[in-house]
Amino acid sequence: MTAYVDVTTLEQLPPGTARVLALGATRVALFRVGDRVYAIDDTCLRCSASLASGALVETHVTCGCGWRYDVKTGSLDGLPGLCIDAFAVRIVASRVRVAKTSAPRSGRE
């Protein structure tokens, strides 16, 4: 069974915004796109930049070096099979809860 951690509320994460949180030793970028919240590893594979600081357009974030990630899956645009970790997110009574461990990589785009 997957364990979840309360990290914020929907009110503290307005649509179109991002924030960084720590899950143990892992830095996770949390993104709110409309009514949905997504969580992926915060570190770009190429330049190690924070993805939470990147430009968010719809469900894609672009880091400072120009690499573009899907915030739903952690997949890197244009490089099939290359992705960062994605974490399951649950909303319970407007509380945002993130899984303590990343989702399995199988089935990702």
PDB file of N, CA and C in Angstrom:
ATOM      1  N   MET A   1       0.838  -1.185   0.000  1.00  0.00           N
ATOM      2  CA  MET A   1       0.000   0.000   0.000  1.00  0.00           C
ATOM      3  C   MET A   1       0.884   1.250   0.000  1.00  0.00           C
ATOM      4  N   THR A   2       0.554   2.198  -0.846  1.00  0.00           N
ATOM      5  CA  THR A   2       1.325   3.425  -0.971  1.00  0.00           C
ATOM      6  C   THR A   2       1.005   4.377   0.173  1.00  0.00           C
ATOM      7  N   ALA A   3       2.057   4.917   0.783  1.00  0.00           N
ATOM      8  CA  ALA A   3       1.894   5.905   1.851  1.00  0.00           C
ATOM      9  C   ALA A   3       1.924   7.306   1.248  1.00  0.00           C
ATOM     10  N   TYR A   4       1.041   8.176   1.731  1.00  0.00           N
ATOM     11  CA  TYR A   4       0.948   9.551   1.257  1.00  0.00           C
ATOM     12  C   TYR A   4       1.253  10.520   2.392  1.00  0.00           C
ATOM     13  N   VAL A   5       1.748  11.711   2.013  1.00  0.00           N
ATOM     14  CA  VAL A   5       2.095  12.752   2.963  1.00  0.00           C
ATOM     15  C   VAL A   5       1.333  14.015   2.598  1.00  0.00           C
ATOM     16  N   ASP A   6       0.717  14.673   3.590  1.00  0.00           N
ATOM     17  CA  ASP A   6       0.105  15.984   3.365  1.00  0.00           C
ATOM     18  C   ASP A   6       1.207  16.991   3.097  1.00  0.00           C
ATOM     19  N   VAL A   7       1.078  17.776   1.996  1.00  0.00           N
ATOM     20  CA  VAL A   7       2.132  18.731   1.657  1.00  0.00           C
ATOM     21  C   VAL A   7       1.657  20.178   1.581  1.00  0.00           C
ATOM     22  N   THR A   8       0.388  20.401   1.265  1.00  0.00           N
ATOM     23  CA  THR A   8      -0.143  21.756   1.158  1.00  0.00           C
ATOM     24  C   THR A   8      -1.657  21.667   1.004  1.00  0.00           C
ATOM     25  N   THR A   9      -2.282  22.810   0.754  1.00  0.00           N
ATOM     26  CA  THR A   9      -3.711  22.847   0.435  1.00  0.00           C
ATOM     27  C   THR A   9      -3.875  23.416  -0.974  1.00  0.00           C
ATOM     28  N   LEU A  10      -5.020  23.182  -1.570  1.00  0.00           N
ATOM     29  CA  LEU A  10      -5.293  23.750  -2.893  1.00  0.00           C
ATOM     30  C   LEU A  10      -5.252  25.275  -2.847  1.00  0.00           C
ATOM     31  N   GLU A  11      -5.695  25.852  -1.752  1.00  0.00           N
ATOM     32  CA  GLU A  11      -5.692  27.311  -1.615  1.00  0.00           C
ATOM     33  C   GLU A  11      -4.270  27.875  -1.626  1.00  0.00           C
ATOM     34  N   GLN A  12      -3.308  27.124  -1.137  1.00  0.00           N
ATOM     35  CA  GLN A  12      -1.923  27.586  -1.080  1.00  0.00           C
ATOM     36  C   GLN A  12      -1.154  27.294  -2.376  1.00  0.00           C
ATOM     37  N   LEU A  13      -1.804  26.626  -3.310  1.00  0.00           N
ATOM     38  CA  LEU A  13      -1.188  26.305  -4.598  1.00  0.00           C
ATOM     39  C   LEU A  13      -2.161  26.713  -5.712  1.00  0.00           C
ATOM     40  N   PRO A  14      -2.203  28.002  -6.044  1.00  0.00           N
ATOM     41  CA  PRO A  14      -3.151  28.473  -7.063  1.00  0.00           C
ATOM     42  C   PRO A  14      -2.876  27.845  -8.433  1.00  0.00           C
ATOM     43  N   PRO A  15      -3.886  27.765  -9.298  1.00  0.00           N
ATOM     44  CA  PRO A  15      -3.686  27.231 -10.642  1.00  0.00           C
ATOM     45  C   PRO A  15      -2.563  27.968 -11.371  1.00  0.00           C
ATOM     46  N   GLY A  16      -1.740  27.200 -12.096  1.00  0.00           N
ATOM     47  CA  GLY A  16      -0.638  27.759 -12.863  1.00  0.00           C
ATOM     48  C   GLY A  16       0.635  27.983 -12.069  1.00  0.00           C
ATOM     49  N   THR A  17       0.658  27.530 -10.814  1.00  0.00           N
ATOM     50  CA  THR A  17       1.845  27.733  -9.987  1.00  0.00           C
ATOM     51  C   THR A  17       2.531  26.411  -9.670  1.00  0.00           C
ATOM     52  N   ALA A  18       3.748  26.553  -9.131  1.00  0.00           N
ATOM     53  CA  ALA A  18       4.544  25.387  -8.735  1.00  0.00           C
ATOM     54  C   ALA A  18       5.235  25.691  -7.423  1.00  0.00           C
ATOM     55  N   ARG A  19       5.651  24.635  -6.743  1.00  0.00           N
ATOM     56  CA  ARG A  19       6.458  24.782  -5.540  1.00  0.00           C
ATOM     57  C   ARG A  19       7.296  23.536  -5.372  1.00  0.00           C
ATOM     58  N   VAL A  20       8.358  23.670  -4.596  1.00  0.00           N
ATOM     59  CA  VAL A  20       9.260  22.552  -4.326  1.00  0.00           C
ATOM     60  C   VAL A  20       8.994  22.051  -2.918  1.00  0.00           C
ATOM     61  N   LEU A  21       9.054  20.738  -2.751  1.00  0.00           N
ATOM     62  CA  LEU A  21       8.938  20.149  -1.426  1.00  0.00           C
ATOM     63  C   LEU A  21       9.942  19.019  -1.309  1.00  0.00           C
ATOM     64  N   ALA A  22      10.246  18.657  -0.095  1.00  0.00           N
ATOM     65  CA  ALA A  22      11.187  17.560   0.152  1.00  0.00           C
ATOM     66  C   ALA A  22      10.421  16.338   0.621  1.00  0.00           C
ATOM     67  N   LEU A  23      10.668  15.216  -0.042  1.00  0.00           N
ATOM     68  CA  LEU A  23      10.159  13.920   0.408  1.00  0.00           C
ATOM     69  C   LEU A  23      11.394  13.107   0.771  1.00  0.00           C
ATOM     70  N   GLY A  24      11.768  13.150   2.021  1.00  0.00           N
ATOM     71  CA  GLY A  24      13.023  12.540   2.428  1.00  0.00           C
ATOM     72  C   GLY A  24      14.159  13.295   1.773  1.00  0.00           C
ATOM     73  N   ALA A  25      15.022  12.589   1.051  1.00  0.00           N
ATOM     74  CA  ALA A  25      16.157  13.216   0.369  1.00  0.00           C
ATOM     75  C   ALA A  25      15.810  13.673  -1.045  1.00  0.00           C
ATOM     76  N   THR A  26      14.572  13.466  -1.473  1.00  0.00           N
ATOM     77  CA  THR A  26      14.153  13.792  -2.837  1.00  0.00           C
ATOM     78  C   THR A  26      13.448  15.141  -2.893  1.00  0.00           C
ATOM     79  N   ARG A  27      13.902  15.998  -3.826  1.00  0.00           N
ATOM     80  CA  ARG A  27      13.220  17.271  -4.072  1.00  0.00           C
ATOM     81  C   ARG A  27      12.155  17.016  -5.136  1.00  0.00           C
ATOM     82  N   VAL A  28      10.915  17.379  -4.809  1.00  0.00           N
ATOM     83  CA  VAL A  28       9.781  17.138  -5.691  1.00  0.00           C
ATOM     84  C   VAL A  28       9.174  18.476  -6.101  1.00  0.00           C
ATOM     85  N   ALA A  29       8.872  18.612  -7.395  1.00  0.00           N
ATOM     86  CA  ALA A  29       8.192  19.796  -7.914  1.00  0.00           C
ATOM     87  C   ALA A  29       6.699  19.489  -7.985  1.00  0.00           C
ATOM     88  N   LEU A  30       5.918  20.361  -7.385  1.00  0.00           N
ATOM     89  CA  LEU A  30       4.471  20.221  -7.347  1.00  0.00           C
ATOM     90  C   LEU A  30       3.879  21.283  -8.264  1.00  0.00           C
ATOM     91  N   PHE A  31       3.015  20.888  -9.207  1.00  0.00           N
ATOM     92  CA  PHE A  31       2.428  21.801 -10.181  1.00  0.00           C
ATOM     93  C   PHE A  31       0.913  21.726 -10.091  1.00  0.00           C
ATOM     94  N   ARG A  32       0.257  22.883 -10.140  1.00  0.00           N
ATOM     95  CA  ARG A  32      -1.208  22.890 -10.226  1.00  0.00           C
ATOM     96  C   ARG A  32      -1.602  23.374 -11.610  1.00  0.00           C
ATOM     97  N   VAL A  33      -2.323  22.514 -12.316  1.00  0.00           N
ATOM     98  CA  VAL A  33      -2.823  22.812 -13.648  1.00  0.00           C
ATOM     99  C   VAL A  33      -4.341  22.718 -13.570  1.00  0.00           C
ATOM    100  N   GLY A  34      -5.005  23.857 -13.548  1.00  0.00           N
ATOM    101  CA  GLY A  34      -6.457  23.869 -13.365  1.00  0.00           C
ATOM    102  C   GLY A  34      -6.804  23.299 -12.004  1.00  0.00           C
ATOM    103  N   ASP A  35      -7.649  22.286 -11.984  1.00  0.00           N
ATOM    104  CA  ASP A  35      -8.042  21.642 -10.729  1.00  0.00           C
ATOM    105  C   ASP A  35      -7.177  20.435 -10.384  1.00  0.00           C
ATOM    106  N   ARG A  36      -6.200  20.126 -11.228  1.00  0.00           N
ATOM    107  CA  ARG A  36      -5.335  18.961 -11.018  1.00  0.00           C
ATOM    108  C   ARG A  36      -3.995  19.384 -10.442  1.00  0.00           C
ATOM    109  N   VAL A  37      -3.385  18.479  -9.675  1.00  0.00           N
ATOM    110  CA  VAL A  37      -2.053  18.709  -9.119  1.00  0.00           C
ATOM    111  C   VAL A  37      -1.179  17.524  -9.515  1.00  0.00           C
ATOM    112  N   TYR A  38       0.040  17.827  -9.966  1.00  0.00           N
ATOM    113  CA  TYR A  38       0.991  16.813 -10.401  1.00  0.00           C
ATOM    114  C   TYR A  38       2.296  16.987  -9.641  1.00  0.00           C
ATOM    115  N   ALA A  39       3.009  15.883  -9.453  1.00  0.00           N
ATOM    116  CA  ALA A  39       4.283  15.915  -8.745  1.00  0.00           C
ATOM    117  C   ALA A  39       5.319  15.108  -9.520  1.00  0.00           C
ATOM    118  N   ILE A  40       6.469  15.740  -9.795  1.00  0.00           N
ATOM    119  CA  ILE A  40       7.578  15.068 -10.469  1.00  0.00           C
ATOM    120  C   ILE A  40       8.871  15.433  -9.760  1.00  0.00           C
ATOM    121  N   ASP A  41       9.924  14.679 -10.050  1.00  0.00           N
ATOM    122  CA  ASP A  41      11.245  15.017  -9.521  1.00  0.00           C
ATOM    123  C   ASP A  41      11.557  16.451  -9.931  1.00  0.00           C
ATOM    124  N   ASP A  42      12.174  17.218  -9.050  1.00  0.00           N
ATOM    125  CA  ASP A  42      12.412  18.634  -9.302  1.00  0.00           C
ATOM    126  C   ASP A  42      13.662  18.910 -10.133  1.00  0.00           C
ATOM    127  N   THR A  43      14.461  17.899 -10.437  1.00  0.00           N
ATOM    128  CA  THR A  43      15.762  18.135 -11.058  1.00  0.00           C
ATOM    129  C   THR A  43      15.798  17.748 -12.528  1.00  0.00           C
ATOM    130  N   CYS A  44      16.173  18.694 -13.389  1.00  0.00           N
ATOM    131  CA  CYS A  44      16.336  18.426 -14.821  1.00  0.00           C
ATOM    132  C   CYS A  44      17.478  17.432 -15.021  1.00  0.00           C
ATOM    133  N   LEU A  45      17.275  16.485 -15.908  1.00  0.00           N
ATOM    134  CA  LEU A  45      18.288  15.471 -16.198  1.00  0.00           C
ATOM    135  C   LEU A  45      19.523  16.050 -16.878  1.00  0.00           C
ATOM    136  N   ARG A  46      19.375  17.122 -17.615  1.00  0.00           N
ATOM    137  CA  ARG A  46      20.495  17.688 -18.372  1.00  0.00           C
ATOM    138  C   ARG A  46      21.322  18.683 -17.564  1.00  0.00           C
ATOM    139  N   CYS A  47      20.646  19.670 -16.936  1.00  0.00           N
ATOM    140  CA  CYS A  47      21.395  20.757 -16.304  1.00  0.00           C
ATOM    141  C   CYS A  47      21.197  20.845 -14.794  1.00  0.00           C
ATOM    142  N   SER A  48      20.429  19.930 -14.232  1.00  0.00           N
ATOM    143  CA  SER A  48      20.161  19.878 -12.789  1.00  0.00           C
ATOM    144  C   SER A  48      19.401  21.088 -12.257  1.00  0.00           C
ATOM    145  N   ALA A  49      18.781  21.869 -13.139  1.00  0.00           N
ATOM    146  CA  ALA A  49      17.985  23.023 -12.719  1.00  0.00           C
ATOM    147  C   ALA A  49      16.708  22.565 -12.026  1.00  0.00           C
ATOM    148  N   SER A  50      16.167  23.424 -11.185  1.00  0.00           N
ATOM    149  CA  SER A  50      14.890  23.157 -10.532  1.00  0.00           C
ATOM    150  C   SER A  50      13.764  23.297 -11.545  1.00  0.00           C
ATOM    151  N   LEU A  51      12.956  22.264 -11.703  1.00  0.00           N
ATOM    152  CA  LEU A  51      11.838  22.323 -12.639  1.00  0.00           C
ATOM    153  C   LEU A  51      10.700  23.185 -12.109  1.00  0.00           C
ATOM    154  N   ALA A  52      10.575  23.298 -10.795  1.00  0.00           N
ATOM    155  CA  ALA A  52       9.543  24.155 -10.222  1.00  0.00           C
ATOM    156  C   ALA A  52       9.771  25.615 -10.600  1.00  0.00           C
ATOM    157  N   SER A  53      11.010  25.963 -10.936  1.00  0.00           N
ATOM    158  CA  SER A  53      11.344  27.327 -11.362  1.00  0.00           C
ATOM    159  C   SER A  53      11.177  27.524 -12.857  1.00  0.00           C
ATOM    160  N   GLY A  54      10.854  26.453 -13.573  1.00  0.00           N
ATOM    161  CA  GLY A  54      10.725  26.520 -15.026  1.00  0.00           C
ATOM    162  C   GLY A  54       9.427  27.161 -15.469  1.00  0.00           C
ATOM    163  N   ALA A  55       9.294  27.317 -16.781  1.00  0.00           N
ATOM    164  CA  ALA A  55       8.096  27.905 -17.383  1.00  0.00           C
ATOM    165  C   ALA A  55       7.043  26.815 -17.581  1.00  0.00           C
ATOM    166  N   LEU A  56       5.893  26.974 -16.929  1.00  0.00           N
ATOM    167  CA  LEU A  56       4.792  26.015 -17.026  1.00  0.00           C
ATOM    168  C   LEU A  56       3.791  26.496 -18.061  1.00  0.00           C
ATOM    169  N   VAL A  57       3.548  25.665 -19.088  1.00  0.00           N
ATOM    170  CA  VAL A  57       2.546  25.941 -20.109  1.00  0.00           C
ATOM    171  C   VAL A  57       1.681  24.698 -20.222  1.00  0.00           C
ATOM    172  N   GLU A  58       0.428  24.848 -19.829  1.00  0.00           N
ATOM    173  CA  GLU A  58      -0.510  23.736 -19.765  1.00  0.00           C
ATOM    174  C   GLU A  58       0.086  22.634 -18.896  1.00  0.00           C
ATOM    175  N   THR A  59       0.371  21.453 -19.449  1.00  0.00           N
ATOM    176  CA  THR A  59       0.914  20.357 -18.631  1.00  0.00           C
ATOM    177  C   THR A  59       2.384  20.084 -18.928  1.00  0.00           C
ATOM    178  N   HIS A  60       3.087  21.099 -19.406  1.00  0.00           N
ATOM    179  CA  HIS A  60       4.517  20.940 -19.690  1.00  0.00           C
ATOM    180  C   HIS A  60       5.318  22.050 -19.012  1.00  0.00           C
ATOM    181  N   VAL A  61       6.473  21.666 -18.482  1.00  0.00           N
ATOM    182  CA  VAL A  61       7.375  22.634 -17.869  1.00  0.00           C
ATOM    183  C   VAL A  61       8.698  22.597 -18.620  1.00  0.00           C
ATOM    184  N   THR A  62       9.252  23.771 -18.876  1.00  0.00           N
ATOM    185  CA  THR A  62      10.531  23.886 -19.566  1.00  0.00           C
ATOM    186  C   THR A  62      11.563  24.413 -18.592  1.00  0.00           C
ATOM    187  N   CYS A  63      12.670  23.695 -18.476  1.00  0.00           N
ATOM    188  CA  CYS A  63      13.725  24.119 -17.552  1.00  0.00           C
ATOM    189  C   CYS A  63      14.575  25.204 -18.206  1.00  0.00           C
ATOM    190  N   GLY A  64      15.531  25.724 -17.460  1.00  0.00           N
ATOM    191  CA  GLY A  64      16.389  26.796 -17.944  1.00  0.00           C
ATOM    192  C   GLY A  64      17.226  26.424 -19.156  1.00  0.00           C
ATOM    193  N   CYS A  65      17.530  25.141 -19.331  1.00  0.00           N
ATOM    194  CA  CYS A  65      18.354  24.731 -20.477  1.00  0.00           C
ATOM    195  C   CYS A  65      17.503  24.357 -21.689  1.00  0.00           C
ATOM    196  N   GLY A  66      16.181  24.489 -21.563  1.00  0.00           N
ATOM    197  CA  GLY A  66      15.305  24.266 -22.709  1.00  0.00           C
ATOM    198  C   GLY A  66      14.663  22.896 -22.812  1.00  0.00           C
ATOM    199  N   TRP A  67      14.991  21.977 -21.894  1.00  0.00           N
ATOM    200  CA  TRP A  67      14.336  20.669 -21.947  1.00  0.00           C
ATOM    201  C   TRP A  67      12.920  20.809 -21.402  1.00  0.00           C
ATOM    202  N   ARG A  68      11.980  20.094 -22.044  1.00  0.00           N
ATOM    203  CA  ARG A  68      10.557  20.209 -21.727  1.00  0.00           C
ATOM    204  C   ARG A  68      10.029  18.865 -21.207  1.00  0.00           C
ATOM    205  N   TYR A  69       9.415  18.920 -20.035  1.00  0.00           N
ATOM    206  CA  TYR A  69       8.896  17.721 -19.367  1.00  0.00           C
ATOM    207  C   TYR A  69       7.380  17.782 -19.243  1.00  0.00           C
ATOM    208  N   ASP A  70       6.747  16.619 -19.347  1.00  0.00           N
ATOM    209  CA  ASP A  70       5.314  16.481 -19.094  1.00  0.00           C
ATOM    210  C   ASP A  70       5.139  16.326 -17.586  1.00  0.00           C
ATOM    211  N   VAL A  71       4.418  17.245 -16.955  1.00  0.00           N
ATOM    212  CA  VAL A  71       4.279  17.184 -15.494  1.00  0.00           C
ATOM    213  C   VAL A  71       3.368  16.044 -15.048  1.00  0.00           C
ATOM    214  N   LYS A  72       2.581  15.481 -15.973  1.00  0.00           N
ATOM    215  CA  LYS A  72       1.714  14.353 -15.629  1.00  0.00           C
ATOM    216  C   LYS A  72       2.496  13.062 -15.495  1.00  0.00           C
ATOM    217  N   THR A  73       3.543  12.899 -16.323  1.00  0.00           N
ATOM    218  CA  THR A  73       4.248  11.614 -16.385  1.00  0.00           C
ATOM    219  C   THR A  73       5.738  11.688 -16.079  1.00  0.00           C
ATOM    220  N   GLY A  74       6.324  12.873 -16.177  1.00  0.00           N
ATOM    221  CA  GLY A  74       7.772  13.012 -16.024  1.00  0.00           C
ATOM    222  C   GLY A  74       8.531  12.738 -17.308  1.00  0.00           C
ATOM    223  N   SER A  75       7.819  12.447 -18.395  1.00  0.00           N
ATOM    224  CA  SER A  75       8.456  12.144 -19.681  1.00  0.00           C
ATOM    225  C   SER A  75       9.083  13.397 -20.281  1.00  0.00           C
ATOM    226  N   LEU A  76      10.205  13.195 -20.935  1.00  0.00           N
ATOM    227  CA  LEU A  76      10.922  14.272 -21.601  1.00  0.00           C
ATOM    228  C   LEU A  76      10.470  14.331 -23.054  1.00  0.00           C
ATOM    229  N   ASP A  77       9.995  15.498 -23.486  1.00  0.00           N
ATOM    230  CA  ASP A  77       9.530  15.655 -24.866  1.00  0.00           C
ATOM    231  C   ASP A  77      10.671  15.432 -25.844  1.00  0.00           C
ATOM    232  N   GLY A  78      10.416  14.658 -26.885  1.00  0.00           N
ATOM    233  CA  GLY A  78      11.377  14.442 -27.952  1.00  0.00           C
ATOM    234  C   GLY A  78      12.387  13.337 -27.695  1.00  0.00           C
ATOM    235  N   LEU A  79      12.414  12.791 -26.484  1.00  0.00           N
ATOM    236  CA  LEU A  79      13.336  11.698 -26.176  1.00  0.00           C
ATOM    237  C   LEU A  79      12.548  10.547 -25.546  1.00  0.00           C
ATOM    238  N   PRO A  80      11.887   9.743 -26.370  1.00  0.00           N
ATOM    239  CA  PRO A  80      11.058   8.651 -25.861  1.00  0.00           C
ATOM    240  C   PRO A  80      11.838   7.735 -24.914  1.00  0.00           C
ATOM    241  N   GLY A  81      11.200   7.397 -23.828  1.00  0.00           N
ATOM    242  CA  GLY A  81      11.812   6.490 -22.858  1.00  0.00           C
ATOM    243  C   GLY A  81      12.639   7.183 -21.798  1.00  0.00           C
ATOM    244  N   LEU A  82      12.960   8.450 -21.991  1.00  0.00           N
ATOM    245  CA  LEU A  82      13.739   9.183 -21.004  1.00  0.00           C
ATOM    246  C   LEU A  82      12.778  10.004 -20.148  1.00  0.00           C
ATOM    247  N   CYS A  83      12.808   9.778 -18.839  1.00  0.00           N
ATOM    248  CA  CYS A  83      11.890  10.504 -17.966  1.00  0.00           C
ATOM    249  C   CYS A  83      12.457  10.601 -16.552  1.00  0.00           C
ATOM    250  N   ILE A  84      11.856  11.489 -15.805  1.00  0.00           N
ATOM    251  CA  ILE A  84      12.169  11.620 -14.387  1.00  0.00           C
ATOM    252  C   ILE A  84      11.030  10.987 -13.601  1.00  0.00           C
ATOM    253  N   ASP A  85      11.232  10.830 -12.311  1.00  0.00           N
ATOM    254  CA  ASP A  85      10.211  10.201 -11.479  1.00  0.00           C
ATOM    255  C   ASP A  85       8.958  11.064 -11.368  1.00  0.00           C
ATOM    256  N   ALA A  86       7.812  10.413 -11.373  1.00  0.00           N
ATOM    257  CA  ALA A  86       6.524  11.049 -11.135  1.00  0.00           C
ATOM    258  C   ALA A  86       5.929  10.425  -9.882  1.00  0.00           C
ATOM    259  N   PHE A  87       5.205  11.227  -9.117  1.00  0.00           N
ATOM    260  CA  PHE A  87       4.629  10.786  -7.861  1.00  0.00           C
ATOM    261  C   PHE A  87       3.115  10.923  -7.911  1.00  0.00           C
ATOM    262  N   ALA A  88       2.414   9.937  -7.390  1.00  0.00           N
ATOM    263  CA  ALA A  88       0.953   9.991  -7.339  1.00  0.00           C
ATOM    264  C   ALA A  88       0.526  11.105  -6.389  1.00  0.00           C
ATOM    265  N   VAL A  89      -0.574  11.771  -6.738  1.00  0.00           N
ATOM    266  CA  VAL A  89      -1.118  12.862  -5.933  1.00  0.00           C
ATOM    267  C   VAL A  89      -2.586  12.579  -5.664  1.00  0.00           C
ATOM    268  N   ARG A  90      -3.002  12.828  -4.441  1.00  0.00           N
ATOM    269  CA  ARG A  90      -4.413  12.725  -4.067  1.00  0.00           C
ATOM    270  C   ARG A  90      -4.846  14.043  -3.443  1.00  0.00           C
ATOM    271  N   ILE A  91      -6.099  14.420  -3.703  1.00  0.00           N
ATOM    272  CA  ILE A  91      -6.680  15.586  -3.064  1.00  0.00           C
ATOM    273  C   ILE A  91      -7.762  15.064  -2.123  1.00  0.00           C
ATOM    274  N   VAL A  92      -7.621  15.368  -0.841  1.00  0.00           N
ATOM    275  CA  VAL A  92      -8.582  14.927   0.162  1.00  0.00           C
ATOM    276  C   VAL A  92      -9.033  16.153   0.945  1.00  0.00           C
ATOM    277  N   ALA A  93     -10.298  16.539   0.762  1.00  0.00           N
ATOM    278  CA  ALA A  93     -10.858  17.701   1.451  1.00  0.00           C
ATOM    279  C   ALA A  93      -9.960  18.924   1.284  1.00  0.00           C
ATOM    280  N   SER A  94      -9.559  19.208   0.060  1.00  0.00           N
ATOM    281  CA  SER A  94      -8.692  20.309  -0.371  1.00  0.00           C
ATOM    282  C   SER A  94      -7.261  20.233   0.157  1.00  0.00           C
ATOM    283  N   ARG A  95      -6.894  19.120   0.788  1.00  0.00           N
ATOM    284  CA  ARG A  95      -5.504  18.870   1.194  1.00  0.00           C
ATOM    285  C   ARG A  95      -4.818  18.115   0.066  1.00  0.00           C
ATOM    286  N   VAL A  96      -3.611  18.547  -0.295  1.00  0.00           N
ATOM    287  CA  VAL A  96      -2.834  17.884  -1.332  1.00  0.00           C
ATOM    288  C   VAL A  96      -1.917  16.872  -0.661  1.00  0.00           C
ATOM    289  N   ARG A  97      -2.032  15.626  -1.082  1.00  0.00           N
ATOM    290  CA  ARG A  97      -1.228  14.543  -0.527  1.00  0.00           C
ATOM    291  C   ARG A  97      -0.415  13.917  -1.653  1.00  0.00           C
ATOM    292  N   VAL A  98       0.889  13.696  -1.391  1.00  0.00           N
ATOM    293  CA  VAL A  98       1.799  13.143  -2.388  1.00  0.00           C
ATOM    294  C   VAL A  98       2.341  11.807  -1.892  1.00  0.00           C
ATOM    295  N   ALA A  99       2.427  10.836  -2.796  1.00  0.00           N
ATOM    296  CA  ALA A  99       2.979   9.520  -2.449  1.00  0.00           C
ATOM    297  C   ALA A  99       4.441   9.687  -2.038  1.00  0.00           C
ATOM    298  N   LYS A 100       4.857   8.923  -1.034  1.00  0.00           N
ATOM    299  CA  LYS A 100       6.236   8.997  -0.543  1.00  0.00           C
ATOM    300  C   LYS A 100       7.243   8.418  -1.524  1.00  0.00           C
ATOM    301  N   THR A 101       6.785   7.548  -2.405  1.00  0.00           N
ATOM    302  CA  THR A 101       7.674   6.940  -3.404  1.00  0.00           C
ATOM    303  C   THR A 101       7.109   7.192  -4.794  1.00  0.00           C
ATOM    304  N   SER A 102       7.999   7.207  -5.796  1.00  0.00           N
ATOM    305  CA  SER A 102       7.564   7.477  -7.170  1.00  0.00           C
ATOM    306  C   SER A 102       6.768   6.301  -7.724  1.00  0.00           C
ATOM    307  N   ALA A 103       5.984   6.615  -8.741  1.00  0.00           N
ATOM    308  CA  ALA A 103       5.184   5.586  -9.414  1.00  0.00           C
ATOM    309  C   ALA A 103       6.092   4.711 -10.267  1.00  0.00           C
ATOM    310  N   PRO A 104       5.710   3.453 -10.462  1.00  0.00           N
ATOM    311  CA  PRO A 104       6.494   2.590 -11.349  1.00  0.00           C
ATOM    312  C   PRO A 104       6.604   3.194 -12.747  1.00  0.00           C
ATOM    313  N   ARG A 105       7.723   2.994 -13.408  1.00  0.00           N
ATOM    314  CA  ARG A 105       7.961   3.592 -14.729  1.00  0.00           C
ATOM    315  C   ARG A 105       7.197   2.903 -15.840  1.00  0.00           C
ATOM    316  N   SER A 106       6.752   1.685 -15.656  1.00  0.00           N
ATOM    317  CA  SER A 106       6.036   0.996 -16.726  1.00  0.00           C
ATOM    318  C   SER A 106       4.725   1.710 -17.009  1.00  0.00           C
ATOM    319  N   GLY A 107       4.377   1.758 -18.279  1.00  0.00           N
ATOM    320  CA  GLY A 107       3.119   2.384 -18.674  1.00  0.00           C
ATOM    321  C   GLY A 107       3.227   3.875 -18.928  1.00  0.00           C
ATOM    322  N   ARG A 108       4.390   4.469 -18.730  1.00  0.00           N
ATOM    323  CA  ARG A 108       4.549   5.898 -19.022  1.00  0.00           C
ATOM    324  C   ARG A 108       4.725   6.080 -20.517  1.00  0.00           C
ATOM    325  N   GLU A 109       4.339   7.247 -20.970  1.00  0.00           N
ATOM    326  CA  GLU A 109       4.465   7.579 -22.401  1.00  0.00           C
ATOM    327  C   GLU A 109       5.911   7.710 -22.787  1.00  0.00           C
TER     328      GLU A 109
END
